[in-house]
Amino acid sequence: MIKRLHIRNYAIIEYLDIDFAKGLTIITGETGAGKSILLGALGLIMGDRADTKSLYNQEEKCIIEGIFDLGAHDLRDFFAENDLDYETEVVVRRELTPSGKSRAFVNDSPVTLKVLQDLSAELIDLHQQFDTLDIHNLSFQLRMIDALAGNKERLLQYRNVYREYSANQRRLSELLNRNEQSTKEMDFIHFQLEEFNKAELVAGEQETWEEELTRLSHAEDIKRTLGMAFDILTENEQSIVGQMQSLSVALVTIGKYAPKLGEYSDRFAGMIFELREMSNEFEKVADQTDYDPERIQEVQQRLDLIYRLLKKHTVSSVDELLAIQANLEQQLAGFADLGNEIGALRDKIKVQEEQLYRWADELSDRRQAVIPGYEQKVVDMLTQLAMPYAQLKIENRKLDHLSPTGLDEVQFLFAANRGSRLQQIKDVASGGEMSRLALVTKSLVASAIPLPTLIFDEIDSGISGDVALKMGNILRNLSNEHQVVTITHSPQVASKADRHYFVFKVDKPDRTITNVRLLSDDDRVRAIAVMLSQSPPSESALVNARELLGL
């Protein structure tokens, strides 16, 4: 419930604090005194659009702040979903700067207008006579019927499964679309994989083949050069190794006379050994090297295949080709998994659908069971409120598909006058008729539906006397379970208040401002007497006012 409304620098309000309590709060005042301005300020913290024209002082910012007690409402999930700190007392603030910048806060955390609107919908039900009321809304109409039918837990169970069911249907649609495209993709992948499989690629083979091709292409040069090297090093009469051996012997001889020269002899020996080893290798390679046109053709064909695949797939190595091949194999396996997933998902959806239809039928039966009694109670109460020919028909149309609320589409049809055709509420009810219908329908479900704080603006428009008194009684009864705030011109309604505020204007030298004061019992007698007659009130009006107040 709302505990306090703080307004600063808004419209013709300079500074205002209003405390609210449980029960029925009545707000009265002269026409034009600013009662509607209070609702405008309240609308700002409910997420309405702001305008700098609303500033009382164009040089200062406007602040509207509402303090709410959440003790009776479980809104922890809402606060968690919007990353807000939860407390049982929440402060909702809206600021508007002279430059036109608007900011909104919940417990000092900045929020968007959408969050503000969603939160206020949980906290305040604001009924203004000429607004589009939630009673027009088909979903709200169904919500009232579900409340009367005690469907809360069943509907929660149904919706939890329905959300998963809907998500599975969307997933199935995506998979089927993918599967539809997969046939062409699979054919192409099969073609590519067949090409890779035939190639039987091996990591690093490109370099090996290129080296072999180079060697084979220059086989004669290699054989000739190595043969010549073998001959020069070890085979001919003046071979390098032979000459070095002779020099080594000479070094050994003179080493007797110059010991340091012995080191050169050792080094020569090592060099002779290395040259002899090299010569042997040259001979071996020369013997193994032959020009082989057939082998050259084989190697060239293998490389041509590799080069073609590299160009086709725009890569530069066999390793990259092997990665593409592995990816294609993975995709092909994925298509097989896709078929299995589609089958499993279809089975799951079928089970959920059967379960949802059973629950939807149960919800429908319970709704239908309470509709006739609710229709009659609404008509009976409207008769008490001077609408003796009013008719309400709740049409329950069966859907041909599951919806988030089952298989029902509930629609309230209304006729206010004798002989009138039943039509949708928005097409037939006048402002005054709509006010009475909204009050009656909401009061009948007040104990069954978690309605937030109810605020009614001139809901008693167009009625007076005994009808207004009965409307006051309905509001009074409604306030037993809910906080109700009502702006009224009716003394009969005003007399039912637990707390009565009076809105008045104060004329200052430079301008007029709006103020509000809480009325004492004596003040209430006078205020209601004025509403009954004139200002100052007559003695009979004062007597009548005391009678209405039970004093």
Protein backbone atom coordinates (compact mmCIF):
# COMPACT_ATOMS: atom_id res chain seq x y z
CA MET A 1 0.00 0.00 0.00
CA ILE A 2 1.03 3.62 -0.44
CA LYS A 3 2.16 5.25 2.82
CA ARG A 4 3.19 8.73 1.72
CA LEU A 5 3.16 10.93 -1.35
CA HIS A 6 5.67 13.77 -1.47
CA ILE A 7 5.29 16.43 -4.18
CA ARG A 8 7.61 19.36 -4.80
CA ASN A 9 7.46 21.96 -7.57
CA TYR A 10 4.68 20.34 -9.59
CA ALA A 11 1.90 22.27 -11.39
CA ILE A 12 0.44 24.64 -8.77
CA ILE A 13 1.88 22.61 -5.90
CA GLU A 14 4.90 24.20 -4.28
CA TYR A 15 5.45 21.60 -1.58
CA LEU A 16 3.11 18.89 -0.33
CA ASP A 17 3.23 15.77 1.85
CA ILE A 18 0.26 13.43 2.17
CA ASP A 19 0.22 10.43 4.51
CA PHE A 20 -2.01 7.50 3.64
CA ALA A 21 -3.24 4.71 5.87
CA LYS A 22 -5.14 1.46 5.56
CA GLY A 23 -8.84 1.56 4.91
CA LEU A 24 -10.73 4.22 2.96
CA THR A 25 -9.12 7.60 2.30
CA ILE A 26 -11.40 10.28 0.83
CA ILE A 27 -10.17 13.40 -0.95
CA THR A 28 -12.58 16.27 -1.52
CA GLY A 29 -12.34 19.94 -2.39
CA GLU A 30 -13.75 22.63 -4.55
CA THR A 31 -13.75 22.25 -8.31
CA GLY A 32 -10.42 23.43 -9.67
CA ALA A 33 -8.69 23.24 -6.30
CA GLY A 34 -6.18 20.69 -7.60
CA LYS A 35 -7.53 17.22 -6.82
CA SER A 36 -6.69 16.01 -10.33
CA ILE A 37 -3.18 17.46 -9.92
CA LEU A 38 -2.57 14.93 -7.15
CA LEU A 39 -3.38 12.15 -9.58
CA GLY A 40 -1.14 13.73 -12.20
CA ALA A 41 1.73 13.70 -9.74
CA LEU A 42 0.95 10.11 -8.83
CA GLY A 43 0.92 9.28 -12.54
CA LEU A 44 4.53 10.43 -12.83
CA ILE A 45 5.78 7.83 -10.36
CA MET A 46 3.62 5.31 -12.22
CA GLY A 47 5.66 5.95 -15.37
CA ASP A 48 3.63 8.59 -17.22
CA ARG A 49 5.45 10.88 -19.61
CA ALA A 50 6.76 14.11 -18.09
CA ASP A 51 6.59 17.67 -19.43
CA THR A 52 8.49 20.75 -18.25
CA LYS A 53 5.19 22.64 -18.41
CA SER A 54 4.35 20.82 -15.17
CA LEU A 55 7.06 22.66 -13.22
CA TYR A 56 5.75 25.11 -10.59
CA ASN A 57 9.04 27.00 -10.66
CA GLN A 58 10.74 26.74 -14.04
CA GLU A 59 14.14 27.29 -12.40
CA GLU A 60 13.96 24.25 -10.10
CA LYS A 61 13.49 20.55 -10.61
CA CYS A 62 10.26 18.72 -9.82
CA ILE A 63 10.37 15.75 -7.42
CA ILE A 64 7.56 13.26 -6.89
CA GLU A 65 8.22 10.56 -4.34
CA GLY A 66 6.00 7.73 -3.17
CA ILE A 67 6.70 5.45 -0.24
CA PHE A 68 5.08 2.00 -0.44
CA ASP A 69 4.71 -0.85 2.02
CA LEU A 70 5.24 -4.16 0.20
CA GLY A 71 4.53 -6.35 3.19
CA ALA A 72 1.30 -7.71 1.70
CA HIS A 73 2.79 -8.31 -1.76
CA ASP A 74 5.42 -10.85 -2.73
CA LEU A 75 7.49 -8.86 -5.22
CA ARG A 76 10.92 -10.38 -4.53
CA ASP A 77 11.04 -12.00 -7.97
CA PHE A 78 10.26 -8.68 -9.67
CA PHE A 79 13.06 -6.93 -7.79
CA ALA A 80 15.50 -9.77 -8.53
CA GLU A 81 14.63 -9.80 -12.24
CA ASN A 82 15.28 -6.05 -12.46
CA ASP A 83 18.46 -6.17 -10.33
CA LEU A 84 16.94 -4.04 -7.56
CA ASP A 85 17.51 -4.28 -3.82
CA TYR A 86 14.39 -5.61 -2.14
CA GLU A 87 13.00 -4.08 1.03
CA THR A 88 9.52 -4.26 2.51
CA GLU A 89 9.37 -0.47 2.26
CA VAL A 90 10.17 0.86 -1.19
CA VAL A 91 10.72 4.45 -2.28
CA VAL A 92 9.75 5.32 -5.85
CA ARG A 93 11.01 8.70 -7.03
CA ARG A 94 10.63 10.68 -10.23
CA GLU A 95 12.61 13.81 -11.02
CA LEU A 96 12.09 16.33 -13.81
CA THR A 97 14.71 19.02 -14.43
CA PRO A 98 14.07 22.44 -16.02
CA SER A 99 15.99 21.25 -19.08
CA GLY A 100 13.40 18.51 -19.60
CA LYS A 101 15.52 15.59 -18.42
CA SER A 102 13.50 12.97 -16.56
CA ARG A 103 14.90 10.36 -14.19
CA ALA A 104 13.26 7.57 -12.22
CA PHE A 105 14.51 5.69 -9.16
CA VAL A 106 13.45 2.71 -7.07
CA ASN A 107 15.20 2.69 -3.68
CA ASP A 108 17.74 5.14 -5.15
CA SER A 109 18.59 2.78 -8.04
CA PRO A 110 18.00 4.33 -11.49
CA VAL A 111 15.32 2.53 -13.52
CA THR A 112 13.64 2.90 -16.89
CA LEU A 113 10.07 4.09 -17.30
CA LYS A 114 9.13 0.55 -18.35
CA VAL A 115 10.32 -0.83 -14.99
CA LEU A 116 8.46 1.98 -13.23
CA GLN A 117 5.27 1.19 -15.13
CA ASP A 118 5.55 -2.54 -14.40
CA LEU A 119 6.19 -1.94 -10.70
CA SER A 120 3.37 0.58 -10.32
CA ALA A 121 0.98 -1.87 -11.98
CA GLU A 122 1.74 -4.18 -9.06
CA LEU A 123 1.24 -1.44 -6.47
CA ILE A 124 -1.55 0.87 -7.70
CA ASP A 125 -4.80 0.38 -9.56
CA LEU A 126 -5.72 3.88 -10.73
CA HIS A 127 -9.29 4.25 -11.94
CA GLN A 128 -10.07 7.52 -13.68
CA GLN A 129 -13.52 7.92 -15.12
CA PHE A 130 -12.57 8.67 -18.70
CA ASP A 131 -9.45 6.56 -18.90
CA THR A 132 -9.27 3.23 -20.69
CA LEU A 133 -9.90 0.91 -17.78
CA ASP A 134 -8.39 -2.46 -17.22
CA ILE A 135 -11.90 -3.87 -17.15
CA HIS A 136 -11.85 -3.38 -20.93
CA ASN A 137 -8.89 -5.70 -21.09
CA LEU A 138 -9.80 -9.30 -21.92
CA SER A 139 -6.87 -10.66 -19.97
CA PHE A 140 -7.99 -8.77 -16.84
CA GLN A 141 -11.53 -10.08 -17.31
CA LEU A 142 -10.18 -13.64 -17.43
CA ARG A 143 -8.00 -12.90 -14.41
CA MET A 144 -11.08 -11.96 -12.38
CA ILE A 145 -12.87 -15.16 -13.36
CA ASP A 146 -9.80 -17.24 -12.47
CA ALA A 147 -9.61 -15.53 -9.09
CA LEU A 148 -13.23 -16.41 -8.35
CA ALA A 149 -12.65 -19.98 -9.56
CA GLY A 150 -9.61 -20.42 -7.31
CA ASN A 151 -7.41 -21.25 -10.29
CA LYS A 152 -4.24 -19.57 -9.05
CA GLU A 153 -2.18 -22.68 -8.29
CA ARG A 154 -3.56 -24.66 -11.22
CA LEU A 155 -2.89 -21.79 -13.60
CA LEU A 156 0.65 -21.38 -12.27
CA GLN A 157 1.29 -25.07 -12.86
CA TYR A 158 -0.20 -24.84 -16.35
CA ARG A 159 1.84 -21.74 -17.28
CA ASN A 160 5.12 -23.26 -16.13
CA VAL A 161 4.65 -26.23 -18.44
CA TYR A 162 3.22 -24.00 -21.20
CA ARG A 163 6.34 -21.82 -21.21
CA GLU A 164 8.52 -24.89 -21.67
CA TYR A 165 6.09 -26.27 -24.26
CA SER A 166 6.22 -23.01 -26.25
CA ALA A 167 10.01 -22.90 -26.05
CA ASN A 168 10.15 -26.49 -27.31
CA GLN A 169 7.84 -25.63 -30.21
CA ARG A 170 10.05 -22.72 -31.21
CA ARG A 171 13.08 -24.97 -30.98
CA LEU A 172 11.37 -27.62 -33.10
CA SER A 173 10.51 -25.05 -35.74
CA GLU A 174 14.14 -23.94 -35.87
CA LEU A 175 15.33 -27.54 -36.16
CA LEU A 176 12.84 -28.33 -38.92
CA ASN A 177 13.96 -25.28 -40.87
CA ARG A 178 17.55 -26.35 -40.45
CA ASN A 179 16.66 -29.89 -41.45
CA GLU A 180 14.92 -28.61 -44.58
CA GLN A 181 18.12 -26.93 -45.66
CA SER A 182 20.30 -29.80 -44.56
CA THR A 183 19.50 -32.14 -47.47
CA LYS A 184 21.23 -29.89 -49.99
CA GLU A 185 24.01 -29.19 -47.54
CA MET A 186 24.50 -32.90 -46.86
CA ASP A 187 24.82 -33.68 -50.57
CA PHE A 188 27.45 -30.99 -50.95
CA ILE A 189 29.30 -32.12 -47.82
CA HIS A 190 29.23 -35.74 -49.02
CA PHE A 191 30.72 -34.62 -52.33
CA GLN A 192 33.49 -32.66 -50.60
CA LEU A 193 34.25 -35.46 -48.16
CA GLU A 194 34.43 -38.02 -50.95
CA GLU A 195 37.06 -35.84 -52.61
CA PHE A 196 39.03 -35.60 -49.36
CA ASN A 197 38.71 -39.33 -48.66
CA LYS A 198 40.03 -40.20 -52.11
CA ALA A 199 42.94 -37.82 -51.60
CA GLU A 200 43.97 -39.58 -48.36
CA LEU A 201 45.92 -36.56 -47.23
CA VAL A 202 48.73 -36.90 -44.71
CA ALA A 203 49.97 -34.06 -42.54
CA GLY A 204 53.21 -32.51 -43.88
CA GLU A 205 53.24 -34.50 -47.12
CA GLN A 206 53.29 -31.45 -49.40
CA GLU A 207 56.80 -30.50 -48.32
CA THR A 208 57.98 -34.12 -48.68
CA TRP A 209 56.63 -34.40 -52.23
CA GLU A 210 58.06 -31.04 -53.24
CA GLU A 211 61.52 -32.04 -51.98
CA GLU A 212 61.36 -35.35 -53.85
CA LEU A 213 60.24 -33.69 -57.06
CA THR A 214 63.09 -31.21 -56.88
CA ARG A 215 65.57 -34.03 -56.29
CA LEU A 216 64.20 -36.18 -59.13
CA SER A 217 64.13 -33.25 -61.54
CA HIS A 218 67.88 -32.65 -60.99
CA ALA A 219 68.95 -36.30 -60.62
CA GLU A 220 71.56 -36.20 -63.38
CA ASP A 221 73.20 -33.05 -62.01
CA ILE A 222 73.22 -34.55 -58.53
CA LYS A 223 74.72 -37.87 -59.72
CA ARG A 224 77.37 -36.17 -61.82
CA THR A 225 78.41 -33.68 -59.14
CA LEU A 226 78.54 -36.26 -56.36
CA GLY A 227 80.51 -38.68 -58.55
CA MET A 228 82.99 -35.97 -59.34
CA ALA A 229 83.25 -35.07 -55.65
CA PHE A 230 83.82 -38.75 -54.76
CA ASP A 231 86.54 -39.04 -57.34
CA ILE A 232 88.32 -35.84 -56.33
CA LEU A 233 88.16 -36.61 -52.65
CA THR A 234 89.34 -40.22 -52.59
CA GLU A 235 89.60 -41.99 -55.95
CA ASN A 236 92.01 -40.35 -58.37
CA GLU A 237 95.78 -40.41 -58.03
CA GLN A 238 95.90 -36.81 -56.84
CA SER A 239 92.89 -37.14 -54.54
CA ILE A 240 92.50 -34.61 -51.81
CA VAL A 241 92.40 -37.28 -49.09
CA GLY A 242 95.59 -38.90 -50.44
CA GLN A 243 97.46 -35.60 -50.50
CA MET A 244 96.27 -34.73 -47.00
CA GLN A 245 97.45 -38.13 -45.74
CA SER A 246 100.94 -37.45 -47.17
CA LEU A 247 100.97 -34.03 -45.55
CA SER A 248 99.84 -35.54 -42.26
CA VAL A 249 102.81 -37.95 -42.28
CA ALA A 250 105.15 -35.03 -42.94
CA LEU A 251 103.69 -33.08 -40.06
CA VAL A 252 104.21 -36.03 -37.75
CA THR A 253 107.90 -36.14 -38.79
CA ILE A 254 108.60 -32.47 -38.13
CA GLY A 255 106.57 -32.65 -34.98
CA LYS A 256 109.57 -34.37 -33.41
CA TYR A 257 111.45 -31.09 -33.74
CA ALA A 258 108.58 -28.71 -32.93
CA PRO A 259 106.16 -30.33 -30.45
CA LYS A 260 103.47 -27.69 -31.02
CA LEU A 261 103.15 -28.81 -34.63
CA GLY A 262 101.76 -32.12 -33.39
CA GLU A 263 98.45 -30.42 -32.81
CA TYR A 264 98.13 -29.76 -36.53
CA SER A 265 98.74 -33.41 -37.24
CA ASP A 266 95.77 -34.38 -34.99
CA ARG A 267 93.57 -31.83 -36.66
CA PHE A 268 94.58 -33.13 -40.11
CA ALA A 269 93.66 -36.63 -39.04
CA GLY A 270 90.19 -35.48 -38.07
CA MET A 271 89.73 -33.62 -41.34
CA ILE A 272 90.85 -36.66 -43.35
CA PHE A 273 88.28 -38.80 -41.50
CA GLU A 274 85.47 -36.30 -42.20
CA LEU A 275 86.40 -36.04 -45.90
CA ARG A 276 86.50 -39.81 -46.27
CA GLU A 277 83.03 -40.07 -44.64
CA MET A 278 81.67 -37.37 -46.95
CA SER A 279 83.15 -39.13 -49.97
CA ASN A 280 81.46 -42.39 -48.98
CA GLU A 281 78.12 -40.59 -48.57
CA PHE A 282 78.54 -38.90 -51.94
CA GLU A 283 79.19 -42.28 -53.55
CA LYS A 284 76.17 -43.83 -51.86
CA VAL A 285 73.79 -41.06 -52.85
CA ALA A 286 75.18 -40.98 -56.41
CA ASP A 287 74.60 -44.74 -56.74
CA GLN A 288 71.01 -44.34 -55.48
CA THR A 289 70.19 -41.36 -57.69
CA ASP A 290 68.81 -42.06 -61.12
CA TYR A 291 66.57 -39.99 -63.40
CA ASP A 292 63.11 -41.68 -63.19
CA PRO A 293 60.46 -40.06 -65.46
CA GLU A 294 57.71 -42.33 -64.19
CA ARG A 295 58.40 -41.44 -60.57
CA ILE A 296 58.54 -37.76 -61.48
CA GLN A 297 55.10 -38.07 -63.06
CA GLU A 298 53.69 -39.83 -59.97
CA VAL A 299 55.04 -37.16 -57.63
CA GLN A 300 53.84 -34.34 -59.89
CA GLN A 301 50.34 -35.83 -60.05
CA ARG A 302 50.19 -36.06 -56.26
CA LEU A 303 51.29 -32.46 -55.91
CA ASP A 304 48.81 -31.33 -58.58
CA LEU A 305 46.01 -32.91 -56.53
CA ILE A 306 47.20 -31.14 -53.38
CA TYR A 307 47.57 -27.80 -55.17
CA ARG A 308 44.07 -28.10 -56.62
CA LEU A 309 42.55 -28.74 -53.19
CA LEU A 310 44.51 -25.85 -51.68
CA LYS A 311 43.23 -23.48 -54.35
CA LYS A 312 39.68 -24.78 -54.13
CA HIS A 313 39.49 -24.26 -50.38
CA THR A 314 41.65 -21.10 -50.40
CA VAL A 315 44.18 -22.39 -47.86
CA SER A 316 47.95 -22.77 -47.97
CA SER A 317 48.77 -26.08 -46.28
CA VAL A 318 47.71 -29.71 -46.06
CA ASP A 319 47.16 -29.25 -42.31
CA GLU A 320 44.47 -26.66 -43.08
CA LEU A 321 42.87 -29.06 -45.59
CA LEU A 322 42.78 -31.77 -42.92
CA ALA A 323 41.07 -29.31 -40.54
CA ILE A 324 38.42 -28.62 -43.20
CA GLN A 325 37.93 -32.34 -43.68
CA ALA A 326 37.45 -32.86 -39.93
CA ASN A 327 34.93 -30.02 -39.82
CA LEU A 328 32.96 -31.53 -42.71
CA GLU A 329 32.87 -34.88 -40.92
CA GLN A 330 31.65 -33.13 -37.77
CA GLN A 331 28.90 -31.35 -39.73
CA LEU A 332 27.76 -34.60 -41.25
CA ALA A 333 27.59 -36.19 -37.80
CA GLY A 334 25.62 -33.13 -36.64
CA PHE A 335 22.96 -33.76 -39.27
CA ALA A 336 22.46 -37.24 -37.90
CA ASP A 337 22.21 -35.79 -34.37
CA LEU A 338 19.71 -33.22 -35.69
CA GLY A 339 17.34 -35.95 -36.80
CA ASN A 340 17.57 -37.62 -33.40
CA GLU A 341 16.96 -34.31 -31.62
CA ILE A 342 13.88 -33.59 -33.76
CA GLY A 343 12.43 -36.99 -32.95
CA ALA A 344 13.05 -36.64 -29.21
CA LEU A 345 11.65 -33.10 -29.16
CA ARG A 346 8.48 -34.16 -30.99
CA ASP A 347 7.90 -36.88 -28.43
CA LYS A 348 8.39 -34.43 -25.55
CA ILE A 349 6.02 -31.87 -27.11
CA LYS A 350 3.37 -34.50 -27.58
CA VAL A 351 3.51 -35.50 -23.91
CA GLN A 352 3.38 -31.84 -22.79
CA GLU A 353 0.51 -31.07 -25.17
CA GLU A 354 -1.60 -33.92 -23.84
CA GLN A 355 -0.92 -32.78 -20.28
CA LEU A 356 -1.74 -29.14 -21.08
CA TYR A 357 -5.03 -30.05 -22.75
CA ARG A 358 -6.06 -32.00 -19.65
CA TRP A 359 -5.23 -29.06 -17.39
CA ALA A 360 -6.85 -26.56 -19.77
CA ASP A 361 -10.10 -28.54 -19.72
CA GLU A 362 -10.01 -28.54 -15.92
CA LEU A 363 -9.45 -24.76 -15.86
CA SER A 364 -12.34 -24.29 -18.29
CA ASP A 365 -14.72 -26.33 -16.17
CA ARG A 366 -13.87 -24.34 -13.05
CA ARG A 367 -14.27 -21.03 -14.87
CA GLN A 368 -17.60 -21.99 -16.34
CA ALA A 369 -18.84 -23.06 -12.93
CA VAL A 370 -18.42 -19.57 -11.39
CA ILE A 371 -19.54 -17.43 -14.35
CA PRO A 372 -23.35 -17.61 -13.85
CA GLY A 373 -23.16 -16.69 -10.18
CA TYR A 374 -20.76 -13.83 -10.87
CA GLU A 375 -22.99 -12.46 -13.63
CA GLN A 376 -25.98 -12.43 -11.27
CA LYS A 377 -24.10 -10.77 -8.41
CA VAL A 378 -22.86 -7.99 -10.70
CA VAL A 379 -26.40 -7.36 -11.99
CA ASP A 380 -27.82 -7.34 -8.45
CA MET A 381 -25.27 -4.80 -7.25
CA LEU A 382 -25.73 -2.59 -10.32
CA THR A 383 -29.46 -2.59 -9.62
CA GLN A 384 -28.70 -1.17 -6.17
CA LEU A 385 -26.64 1.52 -7.88
CA ALA A 386 -29.57 2.78 -9.98
CA MET A 387 -28.94 0.59 -12.99
CA PRO A 388 -32.03 -1.66 -12.79
CA TYR A 389 -31.87 -2.81 -16.40
CA ALA A 390 -28.16 -3.54 -16.53
CA GLN A 391 -27.12 -6.87 -18.00
CA LEU A 392 -23.77 -8.61 -17.90
CA LYS A 393 -23.02 -11.64 -20.01
CA ILE A 394 -19.65 -13.34 -19.76
CA GLU A 395 -18.95 -15.05 -23.05
CA ASN A 396 -16.49 -17.93 -22.81
CA ARG A 397 -15.28 -18.80 -26.28
CA LYS A 398 -13.26 -21.97 -26.79
CA LEU A 399 -9.96 -21.54 -28.60
CA ASP A 400 -8.77 -24.07 -31.17
CA HIS A 401 -5.25 -23.93 -29.77
CA LEU A 402 -3.51 -23.77 -26.43
CA SER A 403 -2.80 -20.30 -25.06
CA PRO A 404 -0.84 -19.12 -21.99
CA THR A 405 -4.10 -19.27 -20.01
CA GLY A 406 -5.63 -22.42 -21.44
CA LEU A 407 -8.37 -22.85 -24.03
CA ASP A 408 -10.67 -20.00 -23.01
CA GLU A 409 -11.15 -16.47 -24.26
CA VAL A 410 -13.39 -14.66 -21.81
CA GLN A 411 -15.19 -11.50 -22.88
CA PHE A 412 -17.55 -9.35 -20.80
CA LEU A 413 -20.61 -8.16 -22.74
CA PHE A 414 -22.65 -5.38 -21.19
CA ALA A 415 -25.92 -3.50 -21.68
CA ALA A 416 -26.93 -0.64 -19.40
CA ASN A 417 -30.51 -0.02 -20.55
CA ARG A 418 -33.66 -1.99 -21.19
CA GLY A 419 -33.72 -3.49 -24.67
CA SER A 420 -30.10 -2.62 -25.40
CA ARG A 421 -27.96 -5.12 -27.23
CA LEU A 422 -25.14 -6.75 -25.29
CA GLN A 423 -21.81 -5.40 -26.53
CA GLN A 424 -18.21 -5.19 -25.45
CA ILE A 425 -17.87 -2.90 -22.44
CA LYS A 426 -15.70 -0.35 -24.23
CA ASP A 427 -18.35 0.07 -26.95
CA VAL A 428 -21.40 0.58 -24.78
CA ALA A 429 -20.77 1.90 -21.26
CA SER A 430 -20.73 5.62 -20.51
CA GLY A 431 -18.28 7.13 -18.04
CA GLY A 432 -20.65 6.91 -15.07
CA GLU A 433 -21.86 3.44 -16.02
CA MET A 434 -18.28 2.30 -16.49
CA SER A 435 -17.34 3.62 -13.07
CA ARG A 436 -20.10 1.71 -11.35
CA LEU A 437 -19.43 -1.46 -13.33
CA ALA A 438 -15.71 -1.31 -12.53
CA LEU A 439 -16.40 -0.76 -8.84
CA VAL A 440 -18.85 -3.64 -8.66
CA THR A 441 -16.72 -6.14 -10.60
CA LYS A 442 -13.59 -5.33 -8.62
CA SER A 443 -15.34 -5.37 -5.26
CA LEU A 444 -16.70 -8.86 -5.96
CA VAL A 445 -13.24 -10.28 -6.60
CA ALA A 446 -11.39 -8.16 -4.03
CA SER A 447 -10.97 -11.03 -1.61
CA ALA A 448 -9.86 -13.45 -4.32
CA ILE A 449 -7.46 -11.39 -6.44
CA PRO A 450 -4.37 -9.55 -5.15
CA LEU A 451 -5.52 -6.13 -6.31
CA PRO A 452 -3.08 -3.37 -5.35
CA THR A 453 -3.99 -0.05 -3.79
CA LEU A 454 -7.22 1.09 -5.46
CA ILE A 455 -7.53 4.74 -6.40
CA PHE A 456 -10.85 5.98 -7.77
CA ASP A 457 -11.25 9.41 -9.33
CA GLU A 458 -14.86 10.64 -9.34
CA ILE A 459 -16.21 7.11 -9.60
CA ASP A 460 -19.48 8.50 -8.20
CA SER A 461 -19.96 10.91 -11.13
CA GLY A 462 -23.61 11.27 -12.10
CA ILE A 463 -25.11 9.66 -8.99
CA SER A 464 -26.42 11.04 -5.71
CA GLY A 465 -28.69 10.31 -2.77
CA ASP A 466 -29.31 6.70 -1.85
CA VAL A 467 -27.31 5.38 -4.82
CA ALA A 468 -24.27 7.37 -3.74
CA LEU A 469 -24.71 6.08 -0.20
CA LYS A 470 -24.74 2.50 -1.47
CA MET A 471 -21.64 3.19 -3.54
CA GLY A 472 -19.99 4.54 -0.43
CA ASN A 473 -20.87 1.32 1.39
CA ILE A 474 -19.31 -0.72 -1.42
CA LEU A 475 -16.12 1.34 -1.22
CA ARG A 476 -16.17 0.99 2.56
CA ASN A 477 -16.48 -2.80 2.34
CA LEU A 478 -13.76 -2.90 -0.32
CA SER A 479 -11.44 -1.00 2.01
CA ASN A 480 -11.75 -3.72 4.64
CA GLU A 481 -9.29 -5.82 2.63
CA HIS A 482 -7.58 -3.21 0.45
CA GLN A 483 -6.29 0.30 0.72
CA VAL A 484 -8.78 2.50 -1.16
CA VAL A 485 -8.28 6.16 -2.06
CA THR A 486 -11.26 7.99 -3.58
CA ILE A 487 -11.62 11.50 -4.99
CA THR A 488 -15.28 12.39 -4.75
CA HIS A 489 -17.87 15.15 -4.96
CA SER A 490 -20.45 13.03 -3.16
CA PRO A 491 -21.13 13.74 0.53
CA GLN A 492 -22.58 10.25 0.94
CA VAL A 493 -19.34 8.66 -0.30
CA ALA A 494 -17.20 11.12 1.67
CA SER A 495 -18.99 10.19 4.87
CA LYS A 496 -17.60 6.64 4.72
CA ALA A 497 -13.96 7.73 5.02
CA ASP A 498 -11.47 6.50 7.61
CA ARG A 499 -9.37 9.52 6.71
CA HIS A 500 -10.64 12.62 4.92
CA TYR A 501 -8.36 15.10 3.11
CA PHE A 502 -9.51 18.46 1.84
CA VAL A 503 -7.81 20.08 -1.16
CA PHE A 504 -7.86 23.87 -1.25
CA LYS A 505 -6.20 26.79 -2.99
CA VAL A 506 -4.15 29.49 -1.32
CA ASP A 507 -3.78 32.83 -3.04
CA LYS A 508 -0.31 34.33 -2.71
CA PRO A 509 0.66 37.81 -3.91
CA ASP A 510 2.29 36.43 -7.05
CA ARG A 511 0.30 33.24 -7.69
CA THR A 512 -2.13 30.59 -6.44
CA ILE A 513 -0.96 27.30 -4.94
CA THR A 514 -2.68 24.07 -3.94
CA ASN A 515 -2.54 22.64 -0.45
CA VAL A 516 -4.10 19.71 1.38
CA ARG A 517 -5.09 19.24 5.00
CA LEU A 518 -6.37 16.31 7.01
CA LEU A 519 -9.83 17.04 8.42
CA SER A 520 -10.77 16.53 12.05
CA ASP A 521 -14.23 15.21 12.94
CA ASP A 522 -15.58 18.75 13.27
CA ASP A 523 -13.95 19.77 10.02
CA ARG A 524 -15.51 16.75 8.30
CA VAL A 525 -18.98 17.75 9.51
CA ARG A 526 -18.56 21.17 8.00
CA ALA A 527 -16.98 19.90 4.74
CA ILE A 528 -19.77 17.38 4.14
CA ALA A 529 -22.41 19.96 5.08
CA VAL A 530 -20.97 22.30 2.46
CA MET A 531 -21.12 19.48 -0.08
CA LEU A 532 -24.78 18.97 0.86
CA SER A 533 -25.75 22.63 0.62
CA GLN A 534 -23.57 25.70 0.34
CA SER A 535 -20.79 27.63 2.05
CA PRO A 536 -21.38 28.50 4.78
CA PRO A 537 -23.65 25.46 5.31
CA SER A 538 -27.13 25.68 6.70
CA GLU A 539 -27.99 24.25 10.10
CA SER A 540 -30.05 21.49 8.48
CA ALA A 541 -27.06 20.58 6.31
CA LEU A 542 -24.89 20.32 9.42
CA VAL A 543 -27.48 18.04 11.04
CA ASN A 544 -27.61 15.93 7.89
CA ALA A 545 -23.82 15.75 7.78
CA ARG A 546 -23.65 14.54 11.39
CA GLU A 547 -26.25 11.92 10.56
CA LEU A 548 -24.22 10.70 7.59
CA LEU A 549 -21.12 10.51 9.78
CA GLY A 550 -22.99 8.74 12.55
CA LEU A 551 -22.14 11.45 15.08
